[in-house]
Structures are given as C-alpha cells and as structure tokens.
N, C-alpha and C. Protein backbone atom coordinates (compact mmCIF):
# COMPACT_ATOMS: atom_id res chain seq x y z
N ASN A 1 97.07 82.79 127.31
CA ASN A 1 98.31 83.07 127.20
C ASN A 1 98.45 84.77 127.32
N ASN A 2 99.12 85.23 128.51
CA ASN A 2 99.35 86.77 128.68
C ASN A 2 100.28 87.40 127.67
N LYS A 3 101.04 86.55 127.24
CA LYS A 3 102.34 87.04 126.01
C LYS A 3 101.61 87.13 124.79
N SER A 4 100.41 86.61 124.74
CA SER A 4 99.82 86.75 123.20
C SER A 4 99.44 88.26 122.88
N PRO A 5 99.77 88.45 121.42
CA PRO A 5 99.63 89.88 121.18
C PRO A 5 98.05 90.31 120.85
N LYS A 6 97.77 91.39 121.28
CA LYS A 6 96.26 92.01 121.50
C LYS A 6 96.26 93.45 120.41
N LEU A 7 95.14 93.33 119.85
CA LEU A 7 95.08 94.39 119.07
C LEU A 7 93.97 95.32 119.94
N PRO A 8 94.58 96.62 120.47
CA PRO A 8 93.95 97.52 120.96
C PRO A 8 92.99 97.94 120.07
N LYS A 9 91.90 99.06 120.44
CA LYS A 9 90.65 99.58 119.67
C LYS A 9 91.28 100.57 118.92
N ASN A 10 92.29 101.26 119.21
CA ASN A 10 92.92 102.34 118.27
C ASN A 10 94.62 102.06 118.37
N PHE A 11 95.36 102.03 117.41
CA PHE A 11 96.63 101.67 116.96
C PHE A 11 96.98 102.02 115.53
N SER A 12 98.34 102.22 115.41
CA SER A 12 98.68 102.30 113.66
C SER A 12 100.08 101.38 114.03
N TRP A 13 100.30 100.62 113.21
CA TRP A 13 101.34 99.71 113.13
C TRP A 13 101.93 99.73 111.43
N LYS A 14 103.51 99.89 111.49
CA LYS A 14 103.92 99.49 110.00
C LYS A 14 105.06 98.49 110.05
N GLY A 15 104.97 97.78 109.06
CA GLY A 15 106.18 96.89 109.12
C GLY A 15 106.50 96.12 108.06
N ARG A 16 106.97 94.84 107.77
CA ARG A 16 107.36 94.39 106.42
C ARG A 16 106.87 92.56 106.89
N TYR A 17 106.64 92.06 105.69
CA TYR A 17 106.26 90.79 105.70
C TYR A 17 106.70 89.86 104.85
N LEU A 18 107.63 89.10 105.05
CA LEU A 18 107.87 87.73 104.08
C LEU A 18 107.08 86.89 103.82
N VAL A 19 106.37 86.74 102.46
CA VAL A 19 105.48 85.74 102.31
C VAL A 19 106.33 84.53 101.66
N PRO A 20 106.46 83.57 102.36
CA PRO A 20 107.17 82.34 102.15
C PRO A 20 107.03 81.52 100.87
N ASP A 21 105.43 81.48 100.83
CA ASP A 21 105.08 80.58 99.85
C ASP A 21 104.80 81.28 98.51
N LEU A 22 105.21 82.70 98.35
CA LEU A 22 105.47 83.22 96.95
C LEU A 22 106.98 83.72 96.48
N ILE A 23 107.59 82.93 95.80
CA ILE A 23 109.30 83.28 95.10
C ILE A 23 109.26 84.28 94.68
N ASP A 24 110.20 85.16 95.07
CA ASP A 24 110.37 85.87 94.13
C ASP A 24 111.87 85.86 92.91
N PRO A 25 111.48 85.93 91.73
CA PRO A 25 112.32 85.23 91.04
C PRO A 25 113.85 86.02 90.97
N LYS A 26 113.94 87.14 91.44
CA LYS A 26 115.23 87.97 91.60
C LYS A 26 115.91 87.56 92.72
N THR A 27 115.27 86.93 94.02
CA THR A 27 116.15 86.87 94.94
C THR A 27 116.16 84.91 95.13
N GLY A 28 114.76 84.40 94.69
CA GLY A 28 114.76 82.95 95.00
C GLY A 28 114.26 82.70 96.31
N LYS A 29 113.73 83.93 97.01
CA LYS A 29 113.24 83.71 98.33
C LYS A 29 111.88 84.11 98.19
N GLY A 30 111.06 84.43 99.52
CA GLY A 30 109.69 84.66 99.64
C GLY A 30 109.80 86.15 99.51
N ILE A 31 108.61 86.71 98.70
CA ILE A 31 108.51 87.93 98.75
C ILE A 31 108.42 88.85 100.07
N ASP A 32 109.05 90.01 99.86
CA ASP A 32 109.06 90.80 100.78
C ASP A 32 108.20 92.07 100.63
N VAL A 33 106.96 92.41 101.60
CA VAL A 33 106.29 93.43 101.03
C VAL A 33 105.67 94.21 102.53
N PRO A 34 105.76 95.53 102.22
CA PRO A 34 105.39 96.37 103.46
C PRO A 34 103.96 96.12 103.86
N PHE A 35 103.56 96.32 105.13
CA PHE A 35 102.22 96.15 105.43
C PHE A 35 101.82 97.36 106.61
N THR A 36 100.72 97.73 106.61
CA THR A 36 100.38 98.46 107.73
C THR A 36 98.99 97.99 108.47
N TRP A 37 99.07 98.15 109.61
CA TRP A 37 97.48 98.03 110.40
C TRP A 37 97.18 99.31 110.93
N VAL A 38 96.02 99.41 111.08
CA VAL A 38 95.39 100.76 111.79
C VAL A 38 94.05 100.06 112.41
N GLY A 39 94.15 100.55 113.59
CA GLY A 39 92.74 100.40 114.59
C GLY A 39 91.88 101.52 114.72
N ASN A 40 90.69 101.74 114.54
CA ASN A 40 90.07 102.99 114.87
C ASN A 40 88.87 102.57 115.58
N ASN A 41 88.93 102.73 117.04
CA ASN A 41 87.46 102.64 117.66
C ASN A 41 86.86 101.21 117.46
N GLY A 42 87.93 100.14 117.26
CA GLY A 42 87.46 98.57 117.04
C GLY A 42 87.70 98.01 115.82
N ASP A 43 87.38 99.26 114.72
CA ASP A 43 87.55 98.55 113.42
C ASP A 43 88.90 98.41 113.06
N VAL A 44 89.18 97.60 112.28
CA VAL A 44 90.63 97.23 112.04
C VAL A 44 91.01 97.12 110.28
N GLN A 45 91.94 97.59 109.99
CA GLN A 45 92.39 97.61 108.55
C GLN A 45 93.93 97.26 108.41
N MET A 46 94.17 96.20 107.72
CA MET A 46 95.45 95.63 107.20
C MET A 46 95.76 95.86 105.96
N ILE A 47 96.82 96.51 105.54
CA ILE A 47 97.24 96.56 104.01
C ILE A 47 98.38 96.10 103.65
N ALA A 48 98.57 95.13 102.83
CA ALA A 48 99.83 94.55 102.53
C ALA A 48 100.21 94.79 101.01
N GLY A 49 101.52 95.15 100.77
CA GLY A 49 101.65 95.34 99.51
C GLY A 49 101.53 96.81 98.69
N SER A 50 101.71 96.78 97.67
CA SER A 50 100.99 97.82 96.82
C SER A 50 101.22 97.78 95.41
N MET A 51 100.71 98.49 94.60
CA MET A 51 100.77 98.32 92.89
C MET A 51 102.12 98.01 92.64
N LYS A 52 103.12 98.57 93.47
CA LYS A 52 104.74 98.38 93.03
C LYS A 52 105.08 96.99 93.37
N HIS A 53 104.19 96.25 94.14
CA HIS A 53 104.85 94.80 94.86
C HIS A 53 103.97 93.77 94.24
N PRO A 54 104.32 92.54 94.03
CA PRO A 54 103.59 91.40 93.55
C PRO A 54 102.64 91.25 94.02
N ILE A 55 102.19 91.56 95.18
CA ILE A 55 100.93 91.29 95.92
C ILE A 55 100.35 92.85 96.42
N TYR A 56 98.79 92.75 96.36
CA TYR A 56 98.54 94.30 97.08
C TYR A 56 97.01 93.49 97.35
N PHE A 57 96.89 93.74 98.68
CA PHE A 57 95.32 93.45 99.33
C PHE A 57 95.32 94.27 100.56
N THR A 58 93.74 94.11 100.86
CA THR A 58 93.70 94.61 102.17
C THR A 58 92.60 93.68 103.02
N ASN A 59 92.72 93.52 104.24
CA ASN A 59 91.45 92.91 105.04
C ASN A 59 91.33 94.00 105.84
N PHE A 60 89.86 93.76 106.48
CA PHE A 60 89.28 95.06 107.40
C PHE A 60 88.14 93.81 108.24
N ILE A 61 88.34 94.86 109.49
CA ILE A 61 87.16 94.39 110.22
C ILE A 61 86.34 95.58 110.27
N TYR A 62 84.93 95.48 109.83
CA TYR A 62 84.19 96.62 109.83
C TYR A 62 82.65 96.39 110.37
N LYS A 63 82.47 96.91 111.59
CA LYS A 63 81.08 96.97 112.21
C LYS A 63 80.98 95.44 112.37
N ASP A 64 81.93 94.71 112.95
CA ASP A 64 81.74 93.22 113.25
C ASP A 64 81.51 92.33 112.28
N TYR A 65 82.19 92.47 110.88
CA TYR A 65 82.27 91.64 109.77
C TYR A 65 83.41 91.59 108.93
N LEU A 66 84.18 90.78 108.60
CA LEU A 66 85.45 90.70 108.22
C LEU A 66 85.18 90.75 106.66
N TYR A 67 86.07 91.77 106.02
CA TYR A 67 85.93 92.07 104.50
C TYR A 67 87.53 91.68 104.20
N THR A 68 87.60 91.47 102.53
CA THR A 68 88.81 91.51 101.88
C THR A 68 88.72 91.77 100.63
N TYR A 69 89.74 92.36 100.07
CA TYR A 69 89.76 92.91 99.01
C TYR A 69 91.20 92.92 98.36
N THR A 70 91.15 92.20 97.29
CA THR A 70 92.48 91.83 96.57
C THR A 70 92.56 92.87 95.14
N TYR A 71 93.64 93.42 95.04
CA TYR A 71 94.24 94.32 94.14
C TYR A 71 94.69 93.43 93.10
N LYS A 72 95.83 92.83 93.84
CA LYS A 72 96.84 91.94 92.64
C LYS A 72 97.40 90.94 93.61
N TRP A 73 97.77 89.94 92.93
CA TRP A 73 97.96 88.42 93.15
C TRP A 73 98.39 87.73 92.13
N PRO A 74 99.59 87.33 92.36
CA PRO A 74 100.16 86.09 91.09
C PRO A 74 99.28 85.23 90.85
N GLY A 75 99.08 84.97 89.62
CA GLY A 75 98.14 84.08 89.06
C GLY A 75 96.37 83.85 89.37
N LEU A 76 96.48 85.07 89.95
CA LEU A 76 94.77 85.29 89.97
C LEU A 76 94.29 86.50 89.04
N GLN A 77 93.29 85.98 88.29
CA GLN A 77 92.91 86.64 86.84
C GLN A 77 91.49 87.06 86.95
N PRO A 78 91.22 88.21 86.10
CA PRO A 78 89.67 88.82 86.48
C PRO A 78 89.00 87.44 86.01
N PRO A 79 87.71 87.29 86.65
CA PRO A 79 87.06 88.11 87.19
C PRO A 79 87.21 88.11 88.86
N PHE A 80 88.16 87.75 89.23
CA PHE A 80 88.44 87.75 90.60
C PHE A 80 89.31 89.05 91.11
N LEU A 81 89.71 89.84 90.21
CA LEU A 81 90.37 91.05 90.63
C LEU A 81 89.76 92.41 90.06
N PRO A 82 89.87 93.41 90.89
CA PRO A 82 89.45 94.56 90.44
C PRO A 82 89.22 94.98 89.10
N PRO A 83 88.40 95.96 88.62
CA PRO A 83 87.61 96.66 89.26
C PRO A 83 86.28 95.95 89.76
N LEU A 84 86.06 95.78 91.12
CA LEU A 84 84.99 94.83 91.64
C LEU A 84 83.94 96.51 91.97
N GLU A 85 82.81 96.34 91.96
CA GLU A 85 81.63 97.26 92.21
C GLU A 85 81.59 97.43 93.92
N ASN A 86 82.08 96.52 94.57
CA ASN A 86 81.62 96.29 95.81
C ASN A 86 82.48 95.19 96.83
N CYS A 87 82.30 95.13 97.87
CA CYS A 87 83.21 94.17 98.47
C CYS A 87 82.28 93.65 99.63
N ASP A 88 81.76 92.65 99.60
CA ASP A 88 80.77 91.95 100.34
C ASP A 88 81.49 91.46 101.65
N PRO A 89 80.72 91.54 102.95
CA PRO A 89 81.49 91.00 103.85
C PRO A 89 81.44 89.48 104.04
N LEU A 90 82.64 88.86 104.61
CA LEU A 90 82.56 87.40 104.40
C LEU A 90 82.08 86.60 105.17
N PHE A 91 81.85 87.28 106.66
CA PHE A 91 81.47 86.48 107.76
C PHE A 91 81.72 87.45 108.97
N PRO A 92 80.47 87.38 110.13
CA PRO A 92 80.85 87.76 111.16
C PRO A 92 82.13 87.73 112.26
N PHE A 93 82.93 88.91 112.22
CA PHE A 93 84.03 88.59 112.87
C PHE A 93 84.58 90.04 113.40
N THR A 94 84.84 89.75 114.71
CA THR A 94 85.32 91.20 115.48
C THR A 94 86.78 91.35 116.10
N ARG A 95 87.15 92.35 116.30
CA ARG A 95 88.56 92.34 116.77
C ARG A 95 88.65 91.59 118.05
N LYS A 96 87.58 91.39 118.84
CA LYS A 96 87.65 90.33 120.24
C LYS A 96 88.23 88.68 119.59
N ASP A 97 87.25 88.66 118.35
CA ASP A 97 87.50 87.57 117.70
C ASP A 97 88.64 87.19 117.33
N LEU A 98 89.47 88.02 116.87
CA LEU A 98 90.95 88.20 116.27
C LEU A 98 91.90 87.79 117.50
N ASN A 99 91.71 88.80 118.74
CA ASN A 99 92.41 88.57 119.43
C ASN A 99 92.24 87.18 120.42
N LYS A 100 91.21 86.60 120.14
CA LYS A 100 91.06 85.33 120.78
C LYS A 100 91.88 84.30 120.11
N PHE A 101 91.75 84.49 118.39
CA PHE A 101 92.47 83.67 117.64
C PHE A 101 94.04 83.96 117.92
N LEU A 102 94.67 85.07 118.23
CA LEU A 102 95.87 85.29 118.43
C LEU A 102 96.15 84.75 119.84
N SER A 103 95.31 84.40 120.58
CA SER A 103 96.05 84.03 121.93
C SER A 103 96.05 82.31 121.74
N THR A 104 95.82 81.53 120.71
CA THR A 104 95.62 80.25 120.70
C THR A 104 97.17 79.98 119.91
C-alpha cells in the first residue's frame, strides 16, 4: 500500500493520542495524552504522556531492538514501575519492521 505511513530515518513529530480503553473519570471518555516521536539515524523513540498525565511511557527502537519503559500506568504497581535499574531489550525489531507492520 503506497499510502501507508513510513517512518523516515530522521524526523520529529508531536501530537496527541486518545487512549480509548483508559477512561478519564472527569470526562467519561478515553484519556487524552501528548506524544512525541523522534527518529535519529534509524533509531526511533516515542514518548506518551508525562508525570502530569494518567500514563507515561516510552518505546524505542535502538540498534535494531525494541525497548519499552513504563513510568506510570493506572493499576500497575511496583515491582513493575520504576525505579528500575535498566531496561532490557524485548526482541529484535527495526524501523523497517515497523514500517512493514504499518503497511498491513
């Protein structure tokens, strides 16, 4: 599909995301959080939310591996939240793999 989004090697995007399965008690709707995406020479980082928001996490592709680190998530308690000493890679995954997924 030629109209599928493709992440270039270098980019910077900002936006907002509505998380439909996490309900904001004030609005009764999905929570609305800011996010940023940054690509640097093929490595990619996405940050969603902040300490001021109900969720806060980052996903990144670094040296062909996928990592995720959750700072804050409703219902998730230690030992699953920081402070964690490190962030181990989940599995091999590249920007090209992500672009292939986005094209499906």
